[in-house]
Amino acid sequence: METKHNRMIIRTAMASRLLLISLIVLWRSLLRPYDTSASINPTCLSSSSSSSPPILFPRIARAIEDSIVWDSVYFVRIAQCGYEYEQSYAFFPLLPLCISLFSHTVFAPLIPVIGYRAVLGLSGYVINNIAFVLAASYLYKLSVIILKDREGALRATILFCFNPASIFYSSIYTESLYSLFSIGGLYHLMSGADHFATLLLALSGATRSNGVINAGYLCYQTMHKAYDALFCKRHFYLTVQVLTAGALHCLCILVPFIAFQAYGYWNICLGHIPVETRPWCTARFPLLYNYIQSHYWGVGFLRYFQVKQLPNFLLASPILSLALCSIVHYVNLRPEVYISLGFRGSPENKNLVPTTFPTVTDKRADSGYTLAAPSSGIEQEDQILRRRKRAIKGYVPVTLPVENEFSDKLVLPFILHLGFMAATTFFVMHVQVATRFLSASPPLYWFASYLMVSPGTGKRWGYLIWAYCAAYIFLGSLLFANFYPFT
């Protein structure tokens, strides 16, 4: 069953990428782009030569270069010329580094054929589409651990393959690479491979700024392990060891962000006379990223709350509504777990030891993955009984085995992360980016998967969810590919 589902996920993910690429090619061939400046490529500031050698297939090169639109222009430009302008530091370096590496190795023979910039664009497309397929595979494995239900995990992952932000996962954007490292890191963290998980989560921080928030998962894990060592095992030195290891892991995730800010400070602020010094250079905490977002893009708390931005709020309303409903649903299941940050179980058993991230193997789960074991047989029976009562009342889909209901304590850090991301998107950022900004959050797909099998209304919710995904895939491939505003 596991191998069959894995093959299905890989095939579905690949088919969804082929669909998106086909739609991009179709709309580019049928419609005239709104902005035709995509192919304009000034010489790098560090280069003294403006001439380029002739290429064999200029039409193919032009087609690839014309498809580099919106933020893709920045990533390709950084890969080609480095960080030339202050505003380019808003885009983190891992994707441009990967594009540059691929263009000088795997696709280097194509440079005389279609030109260097077209090779850079092709490298970006290949990297992101491969990363998406791997991210989908990781999401399925992570979902199996959390949901303890392979069919539910399969539904959630197929939804991810056709998520409403799909156009960005097949373009030269950071969504695919970020999803690969963040979801992959969480899977390995849930499997007990803390060091490798930290590496992947650190790479997510080198891909996008919000990757630093993934340190919260390590903080949650460390907090519960330290509680267990100090109050349950009464082991002070073990507590110190746990806190030290957790702090180092979190620091590793923060290092890419800190290093990139230091790199920008070194290039822009140091070595300049005071008259030329940028305003952010003299701040107590000179954060280049915050200054760029505020100065060039107008990002700030409630700064986007304007009447003229109402269409953008409407565009983001489906994903924000889904995020809010998923948070409310999970909190309502066992509110005492969320109020206590997982340190307390249900009211019937106030002395329940908190379940941390998995550390022992539950052989009864029949999943092949590392799962959290209950504290005792009595507590396990109490939990199963409470779940059955909730199932009778309609809180849990009767089509799923009640014993395999996911653990609220394992879901808690995912919900906290989603809540923080959704609040930041709504109150601080340009709200229209919510569709792609939240698209890498697993709880959205877990909750949507739950809705699709809910008794009575599941079929109706299924049609609505798939219609939403299909509409945004259609609009995204049509508008974004032709340089029209989307999200």
Protein backbone atom coordinates (compact mmCIF):
# COMPACT_ATOMS: atom_id res chain seq x y z
CA MET A 1 0.00 0.00 0.00
CA GLU A 2 2.79 2.42 0.92
CA THR A 3 4.68 1.84 -2.33
CA LYS A 4 1.48 2.10 -4.35
CA HIS A 5 0.59 5.45 -2.78
CA ASN A 6 4.11 6.78 -3.27
CA ARG A 7 4.01 5.91 -6.96
CA MET A 8 0.59 7.54 -7.27
CA ILE A 9 1.83 10.72 -5.59
CA ILE A 10 4.87 10.94 -7.88
CA ARG A 11 2.75 10.40 -10.99
CA THR A 12 0.12 12.90 -9.86
CA ALA A 13 2.73 15.54 -8.99
CA MET A 14 4.42 15.11 -12.37
CA ALA A 15 1.10 15.21 -14.21
CA SER A 16 0.10 18.42 -12.42
CA ARG A 17 3.40 20.08 -13.43
CA LEU A 18 2.95 19.00 -17.05
CA LEU A 19 -0.55 20.46 -16.93
CA LEU A 20 0.71 23.81 -15.63
CA ILE A 21 3.53 24.00 -18.16
CA SER A 22 1.11 23.15 -20.97
CA LEU A 23 -1.27 25.89 -19.82
CA ILE A 24 1.59 28.39 -19.66
CA VAL A 25 2.67 27.56 -23.21
CA LEU A 26 -0.94 27.68 -24.43
CA TRP A 27 -1.77 31.08 -22.97
CA ARG A 28 1.57 32.55 -24.04
CA SER A 29 0.91 31.47 -27.62
CA LEU A 30 -2.71 32.67 -27.74
CA LEU A 31 -2.52 36.00 -25.91
CA ARG A 32 -0.32 39.05 -26.11
CA PRO A 33 1.47 39.80 -22.81
CA TYR A 34 0.39 42.91 -20.94
CA ASP A 35 4.04 43.89 -20.40
CA THR A 36 6.44 42.98 -23.21
CA SER A 37 9.60 44.08 -21.40
CA ALA A 38 10.42 40.65 -19.99
CA SER A 39 13.13 39.96 -22.57
CA ILE A 40 14.97 43.23 -21.86
CA ASN A 41 18.22 42.27 -20.17
CA PRO A 42 20.75 45.05 -19.57
CA THR A 43 24.38 44.12 -19.21
CA CYS A 44 25.52 43.32 -15.67
CA LEU A 45 26.99 46.32 -13.89
CA SER A 46 30.18 44.38 -13.25
CA SER A 47 30.61 43.53 -16.94
CA SER A 48 32.37 45.83 -19.38
CA SER A 49 31.20 44.00 -22.50
CA SER A 50 27.75 44.49 -24.01
CA SER A 51 28.07 41.98 -26.86
CA SER A 52 27.03 38.33 -26.70
CA PRO A 53 27.99 35.47 -29.02
CA PRO A 54 25.40 34.31 -31.57
CA ILE A 55 23.17 31.38 -30.64
CA LEU A 56 21.73 28.57 -32.76
CA PHE A 57 18.05 28.79 -31.82
CA PRO A 58 17.12 32.41 -31.06
CA ARG A 59 13.37 31.75 -31.20
CA ILE A 60 13.56 29.16 -28.44
CA ALA A 61 15.78 31.48 -26.43
CA ARG A 62 13.32 34.34 -26.86
CA ALA A 63 10.38 32.16 -25.81
CA ILE A 64 12.14 31.14 -22.59
CA GLU A 65 13.29 34.67 -21.82
CA ASP A 66 9.81 36.10 -22.43
CA SER A 67 8.42 33.68 -19.82
CA ILE A 68 10.65 35.18 -17.11
CA VAL A 69 8.15 37.60 -15.55
CA TRP A 70 7.42 39.29 -12.23
CA ASP A 71 9.75 38.17 -9.41
CA SER A 72 11.36 35.63 -11.74
CA VAL A 73 13.24 38.55 -13.28
CA TYR A 74 14.96 39.22 -9.96
CA PHE A 75 15.98 35.60 -9.38
CA VAL A 76 17.43 35.20 -12.86
CA ARG A 77 19.16 38.57 -12.67
CA ILE A 78 20.74 37.70 -9.31
CA ALA A 79 21.88 34.33 -10.67
CA GLN A 80 23.46 36.10 -13.64
CA CYS A 81 24.88 39.29 -12.09
CA GLY A 82 24.74 38.92 -8.32
CA TYR A 83 23.17 41.46 -5.95
CA GLU A 84 23.53 44.74 -7.83
CA TYR A 85 20.78 46.86 -6.30
CA GLU A 86 19.48 47.39 -2.79
CA GLN A 87 15.96 46.12 -3.53
CA SER A 88 17.33 42.85 -4.91
CA TYR A 89 18.28 41.85 -1.34
CA ALA A 90 14.59 41.14 -0.71
CA PHE A 91 15.17 37.86 -2.59
CA PHE A 92 17.13 35.25 -0.68
CA PRO A 93 20.14 33.59 -2.30
CA LEU A 94 19.53 29.84 -2.36
CA LEU A 95 17.37 29.69 -5.50
CA PRO A 96 19.68 32.01 -7.51
CA LEU A 97 22.67 29.95 -6.34
CA CYS A 98 21.01 26.73 -7.49
CA ILE A 99 20.09 28.30 -10.84
CA SER A 100 23.64 29.51 -11.37
CA LEU A 101 25.06 26.10 -10.38
CA PHE A 102 22.79 24.20 -12.78
CA SER A 103 23.48 26.62 -15.63
CA HIS A 104 27.23 26.13 -15.26
CA THR A 105 27.07 22.34 -14.89
CA VAL A 106 24.04 20.36 -16.06
CA PHE A 107 22.87 22.82 -18.73
CA ALA A 108 26.22 24.37 -19.64
CA PRO A 109 26.26 22.64 -23.08
CA LEU A 110 23.06 24.49 -23.97
CA ILE A 111 24.57 27.97 -23.58
CA PRO A 112 25.82 28.15 -27.22
CA VAL A 113 22.46 26.78 -28.36
CA ILE A 114 19.97 29.12 -26.64
CA GLY A 115 22.12 31.64 -24.78
CA TYR A 116 23.09 32.13 -21.15
CA ARG A 117 19.97 33.91 -19.89
CA ALA A 118 17.66 31.33 -21.47
CA VAL A 119 19.74 28.59 -19.81
CA LEU A 120 19.32 30.38 -16.48
CA GLY A 121 15.57 30.46 -17.00
CA LEU A 122 15.47 26.80 -18.04
CA SER A 123 17.50 25.86 -14.96
CA GLY A 124 15.02 27.66 -12.72
CA TYR A 125 12.06 25.86 -14.27
CA VAL A 126 13.69 22.43 -13.97
CA ILE A 127 14.81 22.99 -10.37
CA ASN A 128 11.40 24.13 -9.17
CA ASN A 129 9.38 21.43 -10.90
CA ILE A 130 11.65 18.67 -9.58
CA ALA A 131 11.54 20.23 -6.11
CA PHE A 132 7.74 20.26 -6.23
CA VAL A 133 7.55 16.51 -6.95
CA LEU A 134 9.89 15.80 -4.02
CA ALA A 135 7.91 18.15 -1.77
CA ALA A 136 4.70 16.29 -2.59
CA SER A 137 6.36 13.00 -1.65
CA TYR A 138 7.50 14.47 1.67
CA LEU A 139 4.03 15.85 2.38
CA TYR A 140 2.50 12.41 2.00
CA LYS A 141 5.02 10.87 4.40
CA LEU A 142 4.52 13.65 6.93
CA SER A 143 0.74 13.37 6.64
CA VAL A 144 0.86 9.63 7.33
CA ILE A 145 2.70 10.33 10.59
CA ILE A 146 0.28 13.03 11.71
CA LEU A 147 -3.04 11.68 10.46
CA LYS A 148 -2.18 7.99 10.91
CA ASP A 149 -4.47 7.41 7.95
CA ARG A 150 -2.99 6.66 4.55
CA GLU A 151 -6.14 7.50 2.58
CA GLY A 152 -6.45 10.87 4.30
CA ALA A 153 -2.76 11.54 3.67
CA LEU A 154 -3.23 10.62 0.00
CA ARG A 155 -6.19 12.99 -0.39
CA ALA A 156 -4.30 15.82 1.28
CA THR A 157 -1.26 15.34 -0.95
CA ILE A 158 -3.28 15.19 -4.16
CA LEU A 159 -4.88 18.47 -3.13
CA PHE A 160 -1.39 19.90 -2.70
CA CYS A 161 -0.48 18.75 -6.22
CA PHE A 162 -3.32 20.92 -7.56
CA ASN A 163 -3.20 23.69 -4.97
CA PRO A 164 -4.46 27.16 -5.97
CA ALA A 165 -0.91 28.59 -6.04
CA SER A 166 0.26 25.95 -8.52
CA ILE A 167 1.42 28.47 -11.12
CA PHE A 168 4.17 29.66 -8.75
CA TYR A 169 5.38 26.10 -8.12
CA SER A 170 6.07 25.72 -11.84
CA SER A 171 7.61 29.17 -12.30
CA ILE A 172 10.93 30.65 -11.19
CA TYR A 173 9.71 31.40 -7.67
CA THR A 174 10.79 30.06 -4.28
CA GLU A 175 7.56 28.19 -3.44
CA SER A 176 8.74 24.75 -4.64
CA LEU A 177 12.20 24.90 -3.09
CA TYR A 178 10.83 26.27 0.18
CA SER A 179 8.15 23.56 0.36
CA LEU A 180 10.74 20.86 -0.26
CA PHE A 181 13.02 22.00 2.57
CA SER A 182 10.32 22.99 5.06
CA ILE A 183 8.04 19.95 4.63
CA GLY A 184 11.04 17.63 4.26
CA GLY A 185 12.59 19.08 7.40
CA LEU A 186 9.37 18.60 9.35
CA TYR A 187 9.09 15.01 8.18
CA HIS A 188 12.60 14.20 9.39
CA LEU A 189 11.96 16.08 12.63
CA MET A 190 8.84 13.98 13.24
CA SER A 191 10.89 10.88 12.41
CA GLY A 192 13.51 11.69 15.04
CA ALA A 193 16.34 12.79 12.70
CA ASP A 194 16.85 16.16 14.42
CA HIS A 195 20.20 17.04 12.86
CA PHE A 196 19.15 16.41 9.26
CA ALA A 197 15.83 18.14 9.93
CA THR A 198 17.71 21.19 11.20
CA LEU A 199 19.80 21.26 8.03
CA LEU A 200 16.73 21.18 5.78
CA LEU A 201 14.91 23.81 7.84
CA ALA A 202 18.02 26.01 7.69
CA LEU A 203 17.98 25.66 3.90
CA SER A 204 14.34 26.79 3.94
CA GLY A 205 15.56 29.92 5.74
CA ALA A 206 18.12 30.47 2.98
CA THR A 207 15.31 30.21 0.42
CA ARG A 208 12.73 32.56 1.92
CA SER A 209 12.63 34.97 4.84
CA ASN A 210 9.75 33.18 6.57
CA GLY A 211 11.93 30.08 6.81
CA VAL A 212 13.24 31.44 10.12
CA ILE A 213 9.77 30.85 11.61
CA ASN A 214 10.40 27.11 11.25
CA ALA A 215 12.68 27.45 14.26
CA GLY A 216 9.43 27.47 16.23
CA TYR A 217 9.06 23.74 15.64
CA LEU A 218 12.44 23.14 17.28
CA CYS A 219 11.45 25.46 20.14
CA TYR A 220 8.24 23.49 20.68
CA GLN A 221 10.12 20.20 20.66
CA THR A 222 12.80 21.53 23.03
CA MET A 223 10.21 22.99 25.38
CA HIS A 224 8.43 19.66 25.81
CA LYS A 225 11.60 17.60 26.05
CA ALA A 226 12.94 19.94 28.74
CA TYR A 227 9.65 19.74 30.64
CA ASP A 228 9.74 15.97 30.52
CA ALA A 229 13.39 15.87 31.67
CA LEU A 230 12.93 18.36 34.51
CA PHE A 231 9.51 17.61 35.95
CA CYS A 232 8.91 13.98 34.95
CA LYS A 233 12.39 12.44 35.06
CA ARG A 234 13.81 14.91 37.65
CA HIS A 235 17.05 15.02 35.69
CA PHE A 236 18.64 18.49 35.81
CA TYR A 237 21.67 17.75 33.63
CA LEU A 238 19.47 16.15 30.98
CA THR A 239 17.36 19.30 31.01
CA VAL A 240 20.45 21.44 30.42
CA GLN A 241 21.54 19.13 27.62
CA VAL A 242 18.13 19.31 25.95
CA LEU A 243 18.00 23.11 26.19
CA THR A 244 21.53 23.48 24.84
CA ALA A 245 20.89 21.18 21.89
CA GLY A 246 17.60 22.92 21.13
CA ALA A 247 19.19 26.37 21.26
CA LEU A 248 21.95 25.28 18.87
CA HIS A 249 19.45 23.78 16.44
CA CYS A 250 17.37 26.96 16.46
CA LEU A 251 20.49 29.05 15.95
CA CYS A 252 21.40 26.96 12.92
CA ILE A 253 18.02 27.77 11.37
CA LEU A 254 18.53 31.49 12.04
CA VAL A 255 22.08 31.58 10.67
CA PRO A 256 21.15 31.90 6.94
CA PHE A 257 18.94 34.93 7.61
CA ILE A 258 21.52 36.59 9.86
CA ALA A 259 24.36 35.85 7.45
CA PHE A 260 22.44 37.27 4.49
CA GLN A 261 21.62 40.47 6.40
CA ALA A 262 25.30 40.77 7.35
CA TYR A 263 26.25 40.27 3.70
CA GLY A 264 23.94 43.10 2.66
CA TYR A 265 25.29 45.36 5.41
CA TRP A 266 28.85 44.64 4.30
CA ASN A 267 28.13 45.43 0.64
CA ILE A 268 25.93 48.49 1.09
CA CYS A 269 26.90 50.17 4.35
CA LEU A 270 30.61 49.58 4.89
CA GLY A 271 33.12 51.55 2.89
CA HIS A 272 30.73 54.38 2.02
CA ILE A 273 31.09 58.01 3.08
CA PRO A 274 28.42 59.24 5.57
CA VAL A 275 26.56 61.26 2.91
CA GLU A 276 25.94 58.12 0.86
CA THR A 277 25.01 55.91 3.80
CA ARG A 278 21.53 54.46 3.54
CA PRO A 279 19.10 55.25 6.40
CA TRP A 280 18.85 51.68 7.63
CA CYS A 281 22.64 51.41 8.01
CA THR A 282 22.62 53.69 11.07
CA ALA A 283 19.75 51.95 12.85
CA ARG A 284 20.37 50.19 16.16
CA PHE A 285 19.46 46.90 14.47
CA PRO A 286 20.28 47.43 10.77
CA LEU A 287 17.89 44.98 9.13
CA LEU A 288 18.08 45.42 5.39
CA TYR A 289 15.13 43.10 4.70
CA ASN A 290 12.66 45.09 6.82
CA TYR A 291 13.77 48.36 5.26
CA ILE A 292 13.39 47.04 1.70
CA GLN A 293 9.92 45.65 2.36
CA SER A 294 8.77 48.93 3.89
CA HIS A 295 10.54 51.39 1.59
CA TYR A 296 10.13 49.74 -1.81
CA TRP A 297 6.94 47.69 -1.40
CA GLY A 298 5.03 49.53 1.34
CA VAL A 299 4.81 46.50 3.63
CA GLY A 300 3.83 47.31 7.21
CA PHE A 301 1.22 46.78 9.89
CA LEU A 302 -2.24 47.76 8.55
CA ARG A 303 -0.64 49.75 5.71
CA TYR A 304 -2.55 47.68 3.17
CA PHE A 305 -5.94 48.38 4.73
CA GLN A 306 -7.20 50.72 2.00
CA VAL A 307 -10.45 50.79 0.08
CA LYS A 308 -8.65 50.46 -3.25
CA GLN A 309 -7.12 47.16 -2.04
CA LEU A 310 -10.51 45.51 -1.48
CA PRO A 311 -10.21 43.37 -4.67
CA ASN A 312 -6.93 41.97 -3.36
CA PHE A 313 -8.58 41.08 -0.04
CA LEU A 314 -11.32 39.30 -1.99
CA LEU A 315 -8.70 37.44 -4.01
CA ALA A 316 -7.06 36.21 -0.81
CA SER A 317 -10.31 35.50 1.05
CA PRO A 318 -10.64 31.79 0.07
CA ILE A 319 -7.23 30.74 1.39
CA LEU A 320 -7.55 32.94 4.50
CA SER A 321 -11.02 31.53 5.20
CA LEU A 322 -9.70 27.99 4.84
CA ALA A 323 -6.83 28.79 7.20
CA LEU A 324 -9.16 30.31 9.80
CA CYS A 325 -11.62 27.40 9.62
CA SER A 326 -8.83 24.84 9.96
CA ILE A 327 -7.43 26.62 13.03
CA VAL A 328 -10.87 26.88 14.65
CA HIS A 329 -11.63 23.25 13.88
CA TYR A 330 -8.45 21.87 15.41
CA VAL A 331 -8.72 24.10 18.48
CA ASN A 332 -12.33 23.05 19.08
CA LEU A 333 -11.36 19.38 19.09
CA ARG A 334 -9.44 19.71 22.36
CA PRO A 335 -9.12 23.36 23.43
CA GLU A 336 -7.27 22.48 26.65
CA VAL A 337 -4.35 21.19 24.58
CA TYR A 338 -4.02 24.45 22.68
CA ILE A 339 -4.53 26.72 25.67
CA SER A 340 -1.79 24.89 27.59
CA LEU A 341 0.50 24.62 24.50
CA GLY A 342 0.31 20.84 24.76
CA PHE A 343 1.36 20.57 28.42
CA ARG A 344 -2.03 19.26 29.48
CA GLY A 345 -4.26 16.60 28.04
CA SER A 346 -8.00 16.40 28.50
CA PRO A 347 -9.86 17.53 31.64
CA GLU A 348 -10.52 13.91 32.56
CA ASN A 349 -6.79 13.30 33.01
CA LYS A 350 -5.03 16.47 34.15
CA ASN A 351 -1.85 14.62 35.05
CA LEU A 352 -1.31 13.38 31.53
CA VAL A 353 2.35 13.66 30.56
CA PRO A 354 2.69 15.80 27.43
CA THR A 355 3.42 13.93 24.24
CA THR A 356 6.48 15.42 22.55
CA PHE A 357 7.63 14.78 19.02
CA PRO A 358 7.99 11.03 18.37
CA THR A 359 10.90 9.25 19.95
CA VAL A 360 9.77 5.62 20.14
CA THR A 361 8.27 3.27 17.60
CA ASP A 362 4.67 2.17 17.99
CA LYS A 363 4.63 -1.24 16.29
CA ARG A 364 0.85 -1.40 16.43
CA ALA A 365 0.46 1.57 14.09
CA ASP A 366 1.24 -0.48 10.97
CA SER A 367 2.66 2.57 9.29
CA GLY A 368 6.37 1.95 9.20
CA TYR A 369 7.01 5.35 10.72
CA THR A 370 8.08 6.54 14.14
CA LEU A 371 5.05 7.50 16.21
CA ALA A 372 4.48 8.88 19.68
CA ALA A 373 3.55 6.22 22.21
CA PRO A 374 0.88 6.89 24.88
CA SER A 375 1.96 7.09 28.49
CA SER A 376 0.07 4.01 29.62
CA GLY A 377 -2.54 1.51 28.53
CA ILE A 378 -5.21 3.14 30.68
CA GLU A 379 -4.55 6.55 29.17
CA GLN A 380 -4.67 5.06 25.70
CA GLU A 381 -8.06 3.48 26.40
CA ASP A 382 -9.33 6.80 27.78
CA GLN A 383 -8.19 8.59 24.65
CA ILE A 384 -9.85 6.03 22.36
CA LEU A 385 -13.07 6.25 24.38
CA ARG A 386 -13.12 10.05 24.14
CA ARG A 387 -12.48 9.85 20.40
CA ARG A 388 -15.35 7.42 19.94
CA LYS A 389 -17.66 9.76 21.84
CA ARG A 390 -16.62 12.63 19.60
CA ALA A 391 -17.17 10.47 16.53
CA ILE A 392 -20.70 9.64 17.70
CA LYS A 393 -21.37 13.37 18.16
CA GLY A 394 -20.14 14.06 14.64
CA TYR A 395 -16.79 15.69 15.39
CA VAL A 396 -14.78 13.02 13.57
CA PRO A 397 -15.65 11.52 10.15
CA VAL A 398 -17.28 8.15 10.73
CA THR A 399 -15.58 6.84 7.61
CA LEU A 400 -12.18 6.96 9.33
CA PRO A 401 -11.03 4.61 12.09
CA VAL A 402 -11.44 6.53 15.35
CA GLU A 403 -8.34 4.91 16.82
CA ASN A 404 -6.28 6.42 14.00
CA GLU A 405 -7.35 10.01 14.64
CA PHE A 406 -4.33 12.30 14.62
CA SER A 407 -2.87 13.49 17.91
CA ASP A 408 -3.83 17.06 18.73
CA LYS A 409 -0.47 17.58 20.40
CA LEU A 410 1.38 16.66 17.22
CA VAL A 411 -0.80 19.02 15.17
CA LEU A 412 -0.44 21.91 17.64
CA PRO A 413 2.87 23.37 16.34
CA PHE A 414 1.56 23.22 12.77
CA ILE A 415 -1.56 25.15 13.79
CA LEU A 416 0.46 27.75 15.69
CA HIS A 417 2.70 28.20 12.67
CA LEU A 418 -0.27 28.53 10.32
CA GLY A 419 -1.96 31.04 12.64
CA PHE A 420 1.13 33.23 12.78
CA MET A 421 1.59 33.10 9.00
CA ALA A 422 -2.08 33.90 8.30
CA ALA A 423 -2.11 36.82 10.75
CA THR A 424 1.10 38.22 9.25
CA THR A 425 -0.32 37.96 5.75
CA PHE A 426 -3.59 39.64 6.66
CA PHE A 427 -2.31 42.48 8.83
CA VAL A 428 1.21 43.18 7.55
CA MET A 429 1.92 41.91 4.03
CA HIS A 430 0.31 42.52 0.65
CA VAL A 431 -2.70 40.35 1.29
CA GLN A 432 -2.95 39.00 -2.28
CA VAL A 433 0.22 36.94 -1.73
CA ALA A 434 -1.65 34.87 0.89
CA THR A 435 -2.56 32.23 -1.70
CA ARG A 436 1.08 31.31 -2.35
CA PHE A 437 2.43 32.34 1.06
CA LEU A 438 0.20 29.84 2.90
CA SER A 439 0.24 27.15 0.21
CA ALA A 440 3.10 25.25 1.92
CA SER A 441 1.16 24.83 5.20
CA PRO A 442 0.18 21.15 5.66
CA PRO A 443 -2.83 21.81 7.97
CA LEU A 444 -4.69 23.45 5.10
CA TYR A 445 -4.63 20.21 3.12
CA TRP A 446 -5.33 18.05 6.16
CA PHE A 447 -8.43 20.08 6.98
CA ALA A 448 -9.58 20.16 3.35
CA SER A 449 -9.11 16.39 3.20
CA TYR A 450 -11.23 16.07 6.34
CA LEU A 451 -13.98 18.23 4.87
CA MET A 452 -14.15 16.12 1.74
CA VAL A 453 -15.17 13.01 3.70
CA SER A 454 -17.36 14.71 6.32
CA PRO A 455 -20.71 12.93 6.70
CA GLY A 456 -23.52 14.63 4.80
CA THR A 457 -21.64 17.64 3.41
CA GLY A 458 -18.43 15.98 2.27
CA LYS A 459 -19.43 15.73 -1.39
CA ARG A 460 -20.51 19.37 -1.49
CA TRP A 461 -17.27 20.53 0.14
CA GLY A 462 -15.29 18.36 -2.26
CA TYR A 463 -16.85 20.05 -5.30
CA LEU A 464 -16.27 23.49 -3.79
CA ILE A 465 -12.61 22.83 -2.92
CA TRP A 466 -11.79 21.38 -6.32
CA ALA A 467 -13.62 24.23 -8.07
CA TYR A 468 -11.54 26.73 -6.08
CA CYS A 469 -8.29 24.99 -7.00
CA ALA A 470 -9.24 24.65 -10.66
CA ALA A 471 -10.33 28.29 -10.94
CA TYR A 472 -7.09 29.61 -9.46
CA ILE A 473 -4.96 27.28 -11.59
CA PHE A 474 -6.80 28.47 -14.70
CA LEU A 475 -6.63 32.16 -13.78
CA GLY A 476 -3.07 31.90 -12.54
CA SER A 477 -1.73 30.29 -15.68
CA LEU A 478 -3.65 32.78 -17.82
CA LEU A 479 -2.82 36.02 -15.99
CA PHE A 480 0.59 35.35 -14.48
CA ALA A 481 2.13 33.86 -17.62
CA ASN A 482 1.12 36.93 -19.63
CA PHE A 483 2.45 39.45 -17.12
CA TYR A 484 -0.96 40.41 -15.71
CA PRO A 485 -1.34 40.89 -11.92
CA PHE A 486 -2.42 37.74 -10.09
CA THR A 487 -1.06 37.14 -6.61
